[in-house]
Every structure is written in C-alpha cells, then in structure tokens.
Amino acid sequence: ATFQDAMAASEKLREAAPRYHLDLAHVVAVGHSAGGHLAMWLQ
C-alpha cells in the first residue's frame, strides 16, 4: 500500500495540473530518508 499510495499521489498531479497551473514538464521529486527511498522508487 505504501508504494501504491506514492504512485497514486504522483499520478493525481495530472488531474490537478490545469486547475492549479502546474507544469508537468518540470516535475522534480524531492524525498527525505524513507521519502528519499520512495522518490527514487518512483523513478
């Protein structure tokens, strides 16, 4: 589930991008400690 949530949360960006003017061509993941693991895992 932890990994599936990281996937789902990242993919939610696509839905939110038009409303909040988010540039999907320039998304940089930044993760710390266990979050650094999950960020690298997304890659």
Full PDB file with SEQRES, HELIX, SHEET, SSBOND, CRYST1, ORIGX, SCALE, CONECT and MASTER records, all heavy atoms in Angstrom:
SEQRES   1 A   43  ALA THR PHE GLN ASP ALA MET ALA ALA SER GLU LYS LEU          
SEQRES   2 A   43  ARG GLU ALA ALA PRO ARG TYR HIS LEU ASP LEU ALA HIS          
SEQRES   3 A   43  VAL VAL ALA VAL GLY HIS SER ALA GLY GLY HIS LEU ALA          
SEQRES   4 A   43  MET TRP LEU GLN                                              
HELIX    1 AA1 THR A    2  TYR A   20  1                                  19    
HELIX    2 AA2 ALA A   34  LEU A   42  1                                   9    
CRYST1    1.000    1.000    1.000  90.00  90.00  90.00 P 1           1          
ORIGX1      1.000000  0.000000  0.000000        0.00000                         
ORIGX2      0.000000  1.000000  0.000000        0.00000                         
ORIGX3      0.000000  0.000000  1.000000        0.00000                         
SCALE1      1.000000  0.000000  0.000000        0.00000                         
SCALE2      0.000000  1.000000  0.000000        0.00000                         
SCALE3      0.000000  0.000000  1.000000        0.00000                         
ATOM      1  N   ALA A   1       0.805  -1.222   0.000  1.00  0.00           N  
ATOM      2  CA  ALA A   1       0.000   0.000   0.000  1.00  0.00           C  
ATOM      3  C   ALA A   1       0.841   1.277   0.000  1.00  0.00           C  
ATOM      4  O   ALA A   1       0.486   2.265  -0.656  1.00  0.00           O  
ATOM      5  CB  ALA A   1      -0.943   0.011   1.201  1.00  0.00           C  
ATOM      6  N   THR A   2       1.950   1.273   0.734  1.00  0.00           N  
ATOM      7  CA  THR A   2       2.767   2.486   0.784  1.00  0.00           C  
ATOM      8  C   THR A   2       3.246   2.863  -0.608  1.00  0.00           C  
ATOM      9  O   THR A   2       3.217   4.036  -1.005  1.00  0.00           O  
ATOM     10  CB  THR A   2       3.956   2.279   1.739  1.00  0.00           C  
ATOM     11  OG1 THR A   2       3.446   2.101   3.070  1.00  0.00           O  
ATOM     12  CG2 THR A   2       4.897   3.463   1.726  1.00  0.00           C  
ATOM     13  N   PHE A   3       3.682   1.880  -1.368  1.00  0.00           N  
ATOM     14  CA  PHE A   3       4.138   2.138  -2.732  1.00  0.00           C  
ATOM     15  C   PHE A   3       2.968   2.536  -3.633  1.00  0.00           C  
ATOM     16  O   PHE A   3       3.092   3.444  -4.472  1.00  0.00           O  
ATOM     17  CB  PHE A   3       4.829   0.891  -3.291  1.00  0.00           C  
ATOM     18  CG  PHE A   3       6.067   0.494  -2.555  1.00  0.00           C  
ATOM     19  CD1 PHE A   3       5.999  -0.402  -1.495  1.00  0.00           C  
ATOM     20  CD2 PHE A   3       7.293   1.022  -2.901  1.00  0.00           C  
ATOM     21  CE1 PHE A   3       7.148  -0.774  -0.814  1.00  0.00           C  
ATOM     22  CE2 PHE A   3       8.451   0.657  -2.222  1.00  0.00           C  
ATOM     23  CZ  PHE A   3       8.370  -0.238  -1.176  1.00  0.00           C  
ATOM     24  N   GLN A   4       1.847   1.860  -3.484  1.00  0.00           N  
ATOM     25  CA  GLN A   4       0.677   2.191  -4.307  1.00  0.00           C  
ATOM     26  C   GLN A   4       0.196   3.612  -4.035  1.00  0.00           C  
ATOM     27  O   GLN A   4      -0.259   4.304  -4.955  1.00  0.00           O  
ATOM     28  CB  GLN A   4      -0.426   1.173  -4.037  1.00  0.00           C  
ATOM     29  CG  GLN A   4      -0.082  -0.220  -4.565  1.00  0.00           C  
ATOM     30  CD  GLN A   4      -1.024  -1.308  -4.068  1.00  0.00           C  
ATOM     31  OE1 GLN A   4      -1.693  -1.151  -3.054  1.00  0.00           O  
ATOM     32  NE2 GLN A   4      -1.064  -2.426  -4.783  1.00  0.00           N  
ATOM     33  N   ASP A   5       0.316   4.050  -2.788  1.00  0.00           N  
ATOM     34  CA  ASP A   5      -0.060   5.427  -2.473  1.00  0.00           C  
ATOM     35  C   ASP A   5       0.898   6.423  -3.114  1.00  0.00           C  
ATOM     36  O   ASP A   5       0.479   7.486  -3.606  1.00  0.00           O  
ATOM     37  CB  ASP A   5      -0.094   5.634  -0.956  1.00  0.00           C  
ATOM     38  CG  ASP A   5      -1.351   5.066  -0.325  1.00  0.00           C  
ATOM     39  OD1 ASP A   5      -2.187   4.482  -1.052  1.00  0.00           O  
ATOM     40  OD2 ASP A   5      -1.512   5.221   0.901  1.00  0.00           O  
ATOM     41  N   ALA A   6       2.200   6.128  -3.089  1.00  0.00           N  
ATOM     42  CA  ALA A   6       3.163   7.005  -3.754  1.00  0.00           C  
ATOM     43  C   ALA A   6       2.841   7.118  -5.243  1.00  0.00           C  
ATOM     44  O   ALA A   6       2.905   8.213  -5.830  1.00  0.00           O  
ATOM     45  CB  ALA A   6       4.582   6.485  -3.545  1.00  0.00           C  
ATOM     46  N   MET A   7       2.462   5.994  -5.860  1.00  0.00           N  
ATOM     47  CA  MET A   7       2.071   6.013  -7.267  1.00  0.00           C  
ATOM     48  C   MET A   7       0.833   6.868  -7.481  1.00  0.00           C  
ATOM     49  O   MET A   7       0.797   7.745  -8.342  1.00  0.00           O  
ATOM     50  CB  MET A   7       1.795   4.588  -7.758  1.00  0.00           C  
ATOM     51  CG  MET A   7       3.010   3.711  -7.892  1.00  0.00           C  
ATOM     52  SD  MET A   7       2.666   2.145  -8.770  1.00  0.00           S  
ATOM     53  CE  MET A   7       1.733   1.237  -7.541  1.00  0.00           C  
ATOM     54  N   ALA A   8      -0.209   6.598  -6.687  1.00  0.00           N  
ATOM     55  CA  ALA A   8      -1.484   7.283  -6.878  1.00  0.00           C  
ATOM     56  C   ALA A   8      -1.361   8.778  -6.619  1.00  0.00           C  
ATOM     57  O   ALA A   8      -1.943   9.596  -7.341  1.00  0.00           O  
ATOM     58  CB  ALA A   8      -2.546   6.673  -5.967  1.00  0.00           C  
ATOM     59  N   ALA A   9      -0.611   9.146  -5.585  1.00  0.00           N  
ATOM     60  CA  ALA A   9      -0.446  10.566  -5.265  1.00  0.00           C  
ATOM     61  C   ALA A   9       0.308  11.296  -6.364  1.00  0.00           C  
ATOM     62  O   ALA A   9      -0.015  12.448  -6.699  1.00  0.00           O  
ATOM     63  CB  ALA A   9       0.283  10.717  -3.931  1.00  0.00           C  
ATOM     64  N   SER A  10       1.314  10.646  -6.933  1.00  0.00           N  
ATOM     65  CA  SER A  10       2.054  11.297  -8.018  1.00  0.00           C  
ATOM     66  C   SER A  10       1.184  11.433  -9.265  1.00  0.00           C  
ATOM     67  O   SER A  10       1.197  12.471  -9.940  1.00  0.00           O  
ATOM     68  CB  SER A  10       3.336  10.519  -8.329  1.00  0.00           C  
ATOM     69  OG  SER A  10       3.067   9.226  -8.833  1.00  0.00           O  
ATOM     70  N   GLU A  11       0.392  10.417  -9.567  1.00  0.00           N  
ATOM     71  CA  GLU A  11      -0.451  10.462 -10.757  1.00  0.00           C  
ATOM     72  C   GLU A  11      -1.607  11.444 -10.614  1.00  0.00           C  
ATOM     73  O   GLU A  11      -2.135  11.956 -11.614  1.00  0.00           O  
ATOM     74  CB  GLU A  11      -0.952   9.057 -11.072  1.00  0.00           C  
ATOM     75  CG  GLU A  11       0.176   8.120 -11.521  1.00  0.00           C  
ATOM     76  CD  GLU A  11      -0.212   6.658 -11.550  1.00  0.00           C  
ATOM     77  OE1 GLU A  11      -1.420   6.360 -11.415  1.00  0.00           O  
ATOM     78  OE2 GLU A  11       0.692   5.815 -11.703  1.00  0.00           O  
ATOM     79  N   LYS A  12      -2.005  11.752  -9.384  1.00  0.00           N  
ATOM     80  CA  LYS A  12      -3.048  12.749  -9.127  1.00  0.00           C  
ATOM     81  C   LYS A  12      -2.641  14.129  -9.650  1.00  0.00           C  
ATOM     82  O   LYS A  12      -3.500  14.974  -9.931  1.00  0.00           O  
ATOM     83  CB  LYS A  12      -3.317  12.810  -7.618  1.00  0.00           C  
ATOM     84  CG  LYS A  12      -4.387  13.801  -7.185  1.00  0.00           C  
ATOM     85  CD  LYS A  12      -5.782  13.300  -7.451  1.00  0.00           C  
ATOM     86  CE  LYS A  12      -6.830  14.244  -6.859  1.00  0.00           C  
ATOM     87  NZ  LYS A  12      -8.210  13.762  -7.067  1.00  0.00           N  
ATOM     88  N   LEU A  13      -1.335  14.343  -9.790  1.00  0.00           N  
ATOM     89  CA  LEU A  13      -0.845  15.618 -10.315  1.00  0.00           C  
ATOM     90  C   LEU A  13      -1.455  15.944 -11.674  1.00  0.00           C  
ATOM     91  O   LEU A  13      -1.742  17.110 -11.974  1.00  0.00           O  
ATOM     92  CB  LEU A  13       0.677  15.556 -10.452  1.00  0.00           C  
ATOM     93  CG  LEU A  13       1.521  16.281  -9.423  1.00  0.00           C  
ATOM     94  CD1 LEU A  13       2.993  15.958  -9.631  1.00  0.00           C  
ATOM     95  CD2 LEU A  13       1.304  17.781  -9.488  1.00  0.00           C  
ATOM     96  N   ARG A  14      -1.624  14.939 -12.497  1.00  0.00           N  
ATOM     97  CA  ARG A  14      -2.168  15.191 -13.839  1.00  0.00           C  
ATOM     98  C   ARG A  14      -3.557  15.818 -13.765  1.00  0.00           C  
ATOM     99  O   ARG A  14      -3.885  16.735 -14.518  1.00  0.00           O  
ATOM    100  CB  ARG A  14      -2.246  13.885 -14.632  1.00  0.00           C  
ATOM    101  CG  ARG A  14      -0.918  13.289 -15.012  1.00  0.00           C  
ATOM    102  CD  ARG A  14      -1.141  12.211 -16.064  1.00  0.00           C  
ATOM    103  NE  ARG A  14       0.098  11.507 -16.376  1.00  0.00           N  
ATOM    104  CZ  ARG A  14       0.468  10.364 -15.820  1.00  0.00           C  
ATOM    105  NH1 ARG A  14      -0.331   9.774 -14.928  1.00  0.00           N  
ATOM    106  NH2 ARG A  14       1.605   9.792 -16.144  1.00  0.00           N  
ATOM    107  N   GLU A  15      -4.368  15.307 -12.861  1.00  0.00           N  
ATOM    108  CA  GLU A  15      -5.728  15.823 -12.706  1.00  0.00           C  
ATOM    109  C   GLU A  15      -5.730  17.255 -12.181  1.00  0.00           C  
ATOM    110  O   GLU A  15      -6.547  18.086 -12.594  1.00  0.00           O  
ATOM    111  CB  GLU A  15      -6.504  14.906 -11.755  1.00  0.00           C  
ATOM    112  CG  GLU A  15      -7.921  15.342 -11.468  1.00  0.00           C  
ATOM    113  CD  GLU A  15      -8.582  14.452 -10.429  1.00  0.00           C  
ATOM    114  OE1 GLU A  15      -8.270  13.245 -10.369  1.00  0.00           O  
ATOM    115  OE2 GLU A  15      -9.412  14.978  -9.655  1.00  0.00           O  
ATOM    116  N   ALA A  16      -4.804  17.556 -11.277  1.00  0.00           N  
ATOM    117  CA  ALA A  16      -4.780  18.875 -10.640  1.00  0.00           C  
ATOM    118  C   ALA A  16      -4.084  19.936 -11.483  1.00  0.00           C  
ATOM    119  O   ALA A  16      -4.288  21.137 -11.259  1.00  0.00           O  
ATOM    120  CB  ALA A  16      -4.078  18.770  -9.287  1.00  0.00           C  
ATOM    121  N   ALA A  17      -3.256  19.528 -12.426  1.00  0.00           N  
ATOM    122  CA  ALA A  17      -2.402  20.468 -13.150  1.00  0.00           C  
ATOM    123  C   ALA A  17      -3.148  21.609 -13.825  1.00  0.00           C  
ATOM    124  O   ALA A  17      -2.757  22.780 -13.672  1.00  0.00           O  
ATOM    125  CB  ALA A  17      -1.548  19.709 -14.160  1.00  0.00           C  
ATOM    126  N   PRO A  18      -4.224  21.373 -14.573  1.00  0.00           N  
ATOM    127  CA  PRO A  18      -4.884  22.503 -15.246  1.00  0.00           C  
ATOM    128  C   PRO A  18      -5.459  23.522 -14.266  1.00  0.00           C  
ATOM    129  O   PRO A  18      -5.332  24.739 -14.478  1.00  0.00           O  
ATOM    130  CB  PRO A  18      -5.990  21.821 -16.065  1.00  0.00           C  
ATOM    131  CG  PRO A  18      -5.533  20.416 -16.238  1.00  0.00           C  
ATOM    132  CD  PRO A  18      -4.817  20.078 -14.969  1.00  0.00           C  
ATOM    133  N   ARG A  19      -6.080  23.049 -13.203  1.00  0.00           N  
ATOM    134  CA  ARG A  19      -6.717  23.963 -12.253  1.00  0.00           C  
ATOM    135  C   ARG A  19      -5.693  24.841 -11.540  1.00  0.00           C  
ATOM    136  O   ARG A  19      -5.934  26.025 -11.313  1.00  0.00           O  
ATOM    137  CB  ARG A  19      -7.520  23.161 -11.224  1.00  0.00           C  
ATOM    138  CG  ARG A  19      -8.162  24.029 -10.146  1.00  0.00           C  
ATOM    139  CD  ARG A  19      -8.932  23.198  -9.148  1.00  0.00           C  
ATOM    140  NE  ARG A  19      -9.508  24.022  -8.105  1.00  0.00           N  
ATOM    141  CZ  ARG A  19     -10.174  23.539  -7.046  1.00  0.00           C  
ATOM    142  NH1 ARG A  19     -10.353  22.225  -6.917  1.00  0.00           N  
ATOM    143  NH2 ARG A  19     -10.664  24.354  -6.137  1.00  0.00           N  
ATOM    144  N   TYR A  20      -4.532  24.266 -11.202  1.00  0.00           N  
ATOM    145  CA  TYR A  20      -3.568  24.989 -10.386  1.00  0.00           C  
ATOM    146  C   TYR A  20      -2.351  25.463 -11.173  1.00  0.00           C  
ATOM    147  O   TYR A  20      -1.373  25.924 -10.582  1.00  0.00           O  
ATOM    148  CB  TYR A  20      -3.117  24.089  -9.221  1.00  0.00           C  
ATOM    149  CG  TYR A  20      -4.227  23.792  -8.246  1.00  0.00           C  
ATOM    150  CD1 TYR A  20      -4.848  22.541  -8.229  1.00  0.00           C  
ATOM    151  CD2 TYR A  20      -4.673  24.753  -7.348  1.00  0.00           C  
ATOM    152  CE1 TYR A  20      -5.871  22.253  -7.326  1.00  0.00           C  
ATOM    153  CE2 TYR A  20      -5.694  24.486  -6.456  1.00  0.00           C  
ATOM    154  CZ  TYR A  20      -6.284  23.233  -6.449  1.00  0.00           C  
ATOM    155  OH  TYR A  20      -7.302  22.967  -5.551  1.00  0.00           O  
ATOM    156  N   HIS A  21      -2.415  25.374 -12.492  1.00  0.00           N  
ATOM    157  CA  HIS A  21      -1.335  25.866 -13.355  1.00  0.00           C  
ATOM    158  C   HIS A  21      -0.009  25.201 -13.014  1.00  0.00           C  
ATOM    159  O   HIS A  21       1.013  25.861 -12.775  1.00  0.00           O  
ATOM    160  CB  HIS A  21      -1.208  27.394 -13.250  1.00  0.00           C  
ATOM    161  CG  HIS A  21      -2.501  28.127 -13.465  1.00  0.00           C  
ATOM    162  ND1 HIS A  21      -3.095  28.242 -14.701  1.00  0.00           N  
ATOM    163  CD2 HIS A  21      -3.334  28.747 -12.586  1.00  0.00           C  
ATOM    164  CE1 HIS A  21      -4.233  28.915 -14.580  1.00  0.00           C  
ATOM    165  NE2 HIS A  21      -4.403  29.229 -13.319  1.00  0.00           N  
ATOM    166  N   LEU A  22      -0.008  23.888 -13.004  1.00  0.00           N  
ATOM    167  CA  LEU A  22       1.187  23.120 -12.679  1.00  0.00           C  
ATOM    168  C   LEU A  22       1.844  22.640 -13.965  1.00  0.00           C  
ATOM    169  O   LEU A  22       1.182  22.115 -14.862  1.00  0.00           O  
ATOM    170  CB  LEU A  22       0.821  21.921 -11.797  1.00  0.00           C  
ATOM    171  CG  LEU A  22       0.039  22.244 -10.523  1.00  0.00           C  
ATOM    172  CD1 LEU A  22      -0.294  20.968  -9.760  1.00  0.00           C  
ATOM    173  CD2 LEU A  22       0.794  23.229  -9.642  1.00  0.00           C  
ATOM    174  N   ASP A  23       3.140  22.819 -14.060  1.00  0.00           N  
ATOM    175  CA  ASP A  23       3.906  22.485 -15.257  1.00  0.00           C  
ATOM    176  C   ASP A  23       4.376  21.032 -15.170  1.00  0.00           C  
ATOM    177  O   ASP A  23       5.376  20.725 -14.518  1.00  0.00           O  
ATOM    178  CB  ASP A  23       5.095  23.435 -15.377  1.00  0.00           C  
ATOM    179  CG  ASP A  23       5.919  23.193 -16.634  1.00  0.00           C  
ATOM    180  OD1 ASP A  23       5.586  22.261 -17.406  1.00  0.00           O  
ATOM    181  OD2 ASP A  23       6.894  23.937 -16.848  1.00  0.00           O  
ATOM    182  N   LEU A  24       3.681  20.139 -15.841  1.00  0.00           N  
ATOM    183  CA  LEU A  24       4.006  18.713 -15.763  1.00  0.00           C  
ATOM    184  C   LEU A  24       5.294  18.360 -16.504  1.00  0.00           C  
ATOM    185  O   LEU A  24       5.804  17.247 -16.349  1.00  0.00           O  
ATOM    186  CB  LEU A  24       2.851  17.882 -16.303  1.00  0.00           C  
ATOM    187  CG  LEU A  24       1.552  17.941 -15.495  1.00  0.00           C  
ATOM    188  CD1 LEU A  24       0.500  17.028 -16.123  1.00  0.00           C  
ATOM    189  CD2 LEU A  24       1.795  17.553 -14.042  1.00  0.00           C  
ATOM    190  N   ALA A  25       5.822  19.285 -17.289  1.00  0.00           N  
ATOM    191  CA  ALA A  25       7.098  19.040 -17.947  1.00  0.00           C  
ATOM    192  C   ALA A  25       8.275  19.317 -17.025  1.00  0.00           C  
ATOM    193  O   ALA A  25       9.418  19.008 -17.373  1.00  0.00           O  
ATOM    194  CB  ALA A  25       7.218  19.899 -19.210  1.00  0.00           C  
ATOM    195  N   HIS A  26       7.993  19.901 -15.875  1.00  0.00           N  
ATOM    196  CA  HIS A  26       9.054  20.231 -14.920  1.00  0.00           C  
ATOM    197  C   HIS A  26       8.636  19.804 -13.518  1.00  0.00           C  
ATOM    198  O   HIS A  26       8.323  20.625 -12.657  1.00  0.00           O  
ATOM    199  CB  HIS A  26       9.378  21.729 -14.957  1.00  0.00           C  
ATOM    200  CG  HIS A  26      10.056  22.152 -16.224  1.00  0.00           C  
ATOM    201  ND1 HIS A  26       9.352  22.514 -17.348  1.00  0.00           N  
ATOM    202  CD2 HIS A  26      11.379  22.231 -16.546  1.00  0.00           C  
ATOM    203  CE1 HIS A  26      10.208  22.827 -18.312  1.00  0.00           C  
ATOM    204  NE2 HIS A  26      11.435  22.650 -17.852  1.00  0.00           N  
ATOM    205  N   VAL A  27       8.627  18.494 -13.319  1.00  0.00           N  
ATOM    206  CA  VAL A  27       8.321  17.915 -12.010  1.00  0.00           C  
ATOM    207  C   VAL A  27       9.590  17.258 -11.482  1.00  0.00           C  
ATOM    208  O   VAL A  27      10.125  16.335 -12.098  1.00  0.00           O  
ATOM    209  CB  VAL A  27       7.186  16.874 -12.082  1.00  0.00           C  
ATOM    210  CG1 VAL A  27       6.919  16.287 -10.693  1.00  0.00           C  
ATOM    211  CG2 VAL A  27       5.922  17.487 -12.666  1.00  0.00           C  
ATOM    212  N   VAL A  28      10.069  17.752 -10.353  1.00  0.00           N  
ATOM    213  CA  VAL A  28      11.241  17.176  -9.693  1.00  0.00           C  
ATOM    214  C   VAL A  28      10.786  16.581  -8.368  1.00  0.00           C  
ATOM    215  O   VAL A  28      10.149  17.274  -7.559  1.00  0.00           O  
ATOM    216  CB  VAL A  28      12.339  18.232  -9.450  1.00  0.00           C  
ATOM    217  CG1 VAL A  28      13.470  17.652  -8.595  1.00  0.00           C  
ATOM    218  CG2 VAL A  28      12.888  18.734 -10.778  1.00  0.00           C  
ATOM    219  N   ALA A  29      11.059  15.311  -8.147  1.00  0.00           N  
ATOM    220  CA  ALA A  29      10.733  14.679  -6.878  1.00  0.00           C  
ATOM    221  C   ALA A  29      11.841  14.964  -5.870  1.00  0.00           C  
ATOM    222  O   ALA A  29      13.026  14.884  -6.196  1.00  0.00           O  
ATOM    223  CB  ALA A  29      10.573  13.171  -7.058  1.00  0.00           C  
ATOM    224  N   VAL A  30      11.440  15.308  -4.656  1.00  0.00           N  
ATOM    225  CA  VAL A  30      12.379  15.530  -3.556  1.00  0.00           C  
ATOM    226  C   VAL A  30      11.885  14.702  -2.376  1.00  0.00           C  
ATOM    227  O   VAL A  30      10.786  14.941  -1.864  1.00  0.00           O  
ATOM    228  CB  VAL A  30      12.482  17.015  -3.168  1.00  0.00           C  
ATOM    229  CG1 VAL A  30      13.390  17.184  -1.948  1.00  0.00           C  
ATOM    230  CG2 VAL A  30      13.008  17.847  -4.330  1.00  0.00           C  
ATOM    231  N   GLY A  31      12.669  13.730  -1.962  1.00  0.00           N  
ATOM    232  CA  GLY A  31      12.276  12.878  -0.842  1.00  0.00           C  
ATOM    233  C   GLY A  31      13.359  12.825   0.205  1.00  0.00           C  
ATOM    234  O   GLY A  31      14.554  12.877  -0.116  1.00  0.00           O  
ATOM    235  N   HIS A  32      12.933  12.716   1.467  1.00  0.00           N  
ATOM    236  CA  HIS A  32      13.880  12.694   2.586  1.00  0.00           C  
ATOM    237  C   HIS A  32      13.799  11.367   3.316  1.00  0.00           C  
ATOM    238  O   HIS A  32      12.709  10.918   3.695  1.00  0.00           O  
ATOM    239  CB  HIS A  32      13.555  13.840   3.556  1.00  0.00           C  
ATOM    240  CG  HIS A  32      14.405  13.853   4.782  1.00  0.00           C  
ATOM    241  ND1 HIS A  32      13.891  13.663   6.048  1.00  0.00           N  
ATOM    242  CD2 HIS A  32      15.743  14.033   4.947  1.00  0.00           C  
ATOM    243  CE1 HIS A  32      14.873  13.739   6.942  1.00  0.00           C  
ATOM    244  NE2 HIS A  32      15.999  13.947   6.301  1.00  0.00           N  
ATOM    245  N   SER A  33      14.934  10.710   3.505  1.00  0.00           N  
ATOM    246  CA  SER A  33      15.035   9.493   4.304  1.00  0.00           C  
ATOM    247  C   SER A  33      14.157   8.391   3.694  1.00  0.00           C  
ATOM    248  O   SER A  33      14.380   7.990   2.559  1.00  0.00           O  
ATOM    249  CB  SER A  33      14.688   9.805   5.760  1.00  0.00           C  
ATOM    250  OG  SER A  33      15.100   8.778   6.637  1.00  0.00           O  
ATOM    251  N   ALA A  34      13.139   7.909   4.415  1.00  0.00           N  
ATOM    252  CA  ALA A  34      12.224   6.943   3.808  1.00  0.00           C  
ATOM    253  C   ALA A  34      11.538   7.529   2.586  1.00  0.00           C  
ATOM    254  O   ALA A  34      11.221   6.817   1.627  1.00  0.00           O  
ATOM    255  CB  ALA A  34      11.184   6.488   4.835  1.00  0.00           C  
ATOM    256  N   GLY A  35      11.289   8.835   2.595  1.00  0.00           N  
ATOM    257  CA  GLY A  35      10.724   9.501   1.422  1.00  0.00           C  
ATOM    258  C   GLY A  35      11.699   9.583   0.273  1.00  0.00           C  
ATOM    259  O   GLY A  35      11.300   9.589  -0.896  1.00  0.00           O  
ATOM    260  N   GLY A  36      13.007   9.643   0.586  1.00  0.00           N  
ATOM    261  CA  GLY A  36      14.009   9.575  -0.470  1.00  0.00           C  
ATOM    262  C   GLY A  36      13.989   8.228  -1.157  1.00  0.00           C  
ATOM    263  O   GLY A  36      14.169   8.116  -2.377  1.00  0.00           O  
ATOM    264  N   HIS A  37      13.748   7.184  -0.372  1.00  0.00           N  
ATOM    265  CA  HIS A  37      13.566   5.844  -0.937  1.00  0.00           C  
ATOM    266  C   HIS A  37      12.369   5.814  -1.880  1.00  0.00           C  
ATOM    267  O   HIS A  37      12.455   5.321  -3.007  1.00  0.00           O  
ATOM    268  CB  HIS A  37      13.384   4.830   0.202  1.00  0.00           C  
ATOM    269  CG  HIS A  37      12.673   3.586  -0.201  1.00  0.00           C  
ATOM    270  ND1 HIS A  37      11.316   3.404   0.050  1.00  0.00           N  
ATOM    271  CD2 HIS A  37      13.100   2.465  -0.842  1.00  0.00           C  
ATOM    272  CE1 HIS A  37      10.962   2.219  -0.416  1.00  0.00           C  
ATOM    273  NE2 HIS A  37      12.019   1.627  -0.960  1.00  0.00           N  
ATOM    274  N   LEU A  38      11.231   6.365  -1.435  1.00  0.00           N  
ATOM    275  CA  LEU A  38      10.029   6.320  -2.259  1.00  0.00           C  
ATOM    276  C   LEU A  38      10.167   7.183  -3.508  1.00  0.00           C  
ATOM    277  O   LEU A  38       9.665   6.811  -4.581  1.00  0.00           O  
ATOM    278  CB  LEU A  38       8.811   6.766  -1.441  1.00  0.00           C  
ATOM    279  CG  LEU A  38       8.370   5.786  -0.353  1.00  0.00           C  
ATOM    280  CD1 LEU A  38       7.292   6.419   0.528  1.00  0.00           C  
ATOM    281  CD2 LEU A  38       7.873   4.471  -0.951  1.00  0.00           C  
ATOM    282  N   ALA A  39      10.855   8.322  -3.403  1.00  0.00           N  
ATOM    283  CA  ALA A  39      11.073   9.161  -4.579  1.00  0.00           C  
ATOM    284  C   ALA A  39      11.923   8.426  -5.612  1.00  0.00           C  
ATOM    285  O   ALA A  39      11.613   8.414  -6.811  1.00  0.00           O  
ATOM    286  CB  ALA A  39      11.743  10.471  -4.170  1.00  0.00           C  
ATOM    287  N   MET A  40      13.000   7.782  -5.153  1.00  0.00           N  
ATOM    288  CA  MET A  40      13.841   7.034  -6.074  1.00  0.00           C  
ATOM    289  C   MET A  40      13.078   5.843  -6.648  1.00  0.00           C  
ATOM    290  O   MET A  40      13.239   5.493  -7.830  1.00  0.00           O  
ATOM    291  CB  MET A  40      15.105   6.562  -5.367  1.00  0.00           C  
ATOM    292  CG  MET A  40      16.160   6.007  -6.296  1.00  0.00           C  
ATOM    293  SD  MET A  40      17.017   7.275  -7.281  1.00  0.00           S  
ATOM    294  CE  MET A  40      18.176   7.903  -6.055  1.00  0.00           C  
ATOM    295  N   TRP A  41      12.227   5.241  -5.831  1.00  0.00           N  
ATOM    296  CA  TRP A  41      11.432   4.115  -6.314  1.00  0.00           C  
ATOM    297  C   TRP A  41      10.482   4.560  -7.427  1.00  0.00           C  
ATOM    298  O   TRP A  41      10.278   3.817  -8.404  1.00  0.00           O  
ATOM    299  CB  TRP A  41      10.649   3.481  -5.165  1.00  0.00           C  
ATOM    300  CG  TRP A  41       9.840   2.307  -5.598  1.00  0.00           C  
ATOM    301  CD1 TRP A  41      10.252   1.005  -5.716  1.00  0.00           C  
ATOM    302  CD2 TRP A  41       8.474   2.332  -6.046  1.00  0.00           C  
ATOM    303  NE1 TRP A  41       9.230   0.216  -6.197  1.00  0.00           N  
ATOM    304  CE2 TRP A  41       8.133   1.014  -6.401  1.00  0.00           C  
ATOM    305  CE3 TRP A  41       7.523   3.339  -6.160  1.00  0.00           C  
ATOM    306  CZ2 TRP A  41       6.861   0.673  -6.873  1.00  0.00           C  
ATOM    307  CZ3 TRP A  41       6.254   3.017  -6.636  1.00  0.00           C  
ATOM    308  CH2 TRP A  41       5.937   1.684  -6.986  1.00  0.00           C  
ATOM    309  N   LEU A  42       9.907   5.760  -7.326  1.00  0.00           N  
ATOM    310  CA  LEU A  42       9.050   6.256  -8.399  1.00  0.00           C  
ATOM    311  C   LEU A  42       9.808   6.334  -9.714  1.00  0.00           C  
ATOM    312  O   LEU A  42       9.263   6.026 -10.777  1.00  0.00           O  
ATOM    313  CB  LEU A  42       8.477   7.631  -8.038  1.00  0.00           C  
ATOM    314  CG  LEU A  42       7.374   7.660  -6.986  1.00  0.00           C  
ATOM    315  CD1 LEU A  42       7.012   9.099  -6.632  1.00  0.00           C  
ATOM    316  CD2 LEU A  42       6.130   6.902  -7.456  1.00  0.00           C  
ATOM    317  N   GLN A  43      11.068   6.750  -9.647  1.00  0.00           N  
ATOM    318  CA  GLN A  43      11.882   6.798 -10.851  1.00  0.00           C  
ATOM    319  C   GLN A  43      12.153   5.388 -11.393  1.00  0.00           C  
ATOM    320  O   GLN A  43      12.305   5.184 -12.596  1.00  0.00           O  
ATOM    321  CB  GLN A  43      13.207   7.507 -10.551  1.00  0.00           C  
ATOM    322  CG  GLN A  43      14.172   7.597 -11.720  1.00  0.00           C  
ATOM    323  CD  GLN A  43      13.669   8.477 -12.848  1.00  0.00           C  
ATOM    324  OE1 GLN A  43      12.868   9.390 -12.625  1.00  0.00           O  
ATOM    325  NE2 GLN A  43      14.115   8.216 -14.071  1.00  0.00           N  
TER     326      GLN A  43                                                      
MASTER        0    0    0    2    0    0    0    6  325    1    0    4          
END                                                                             
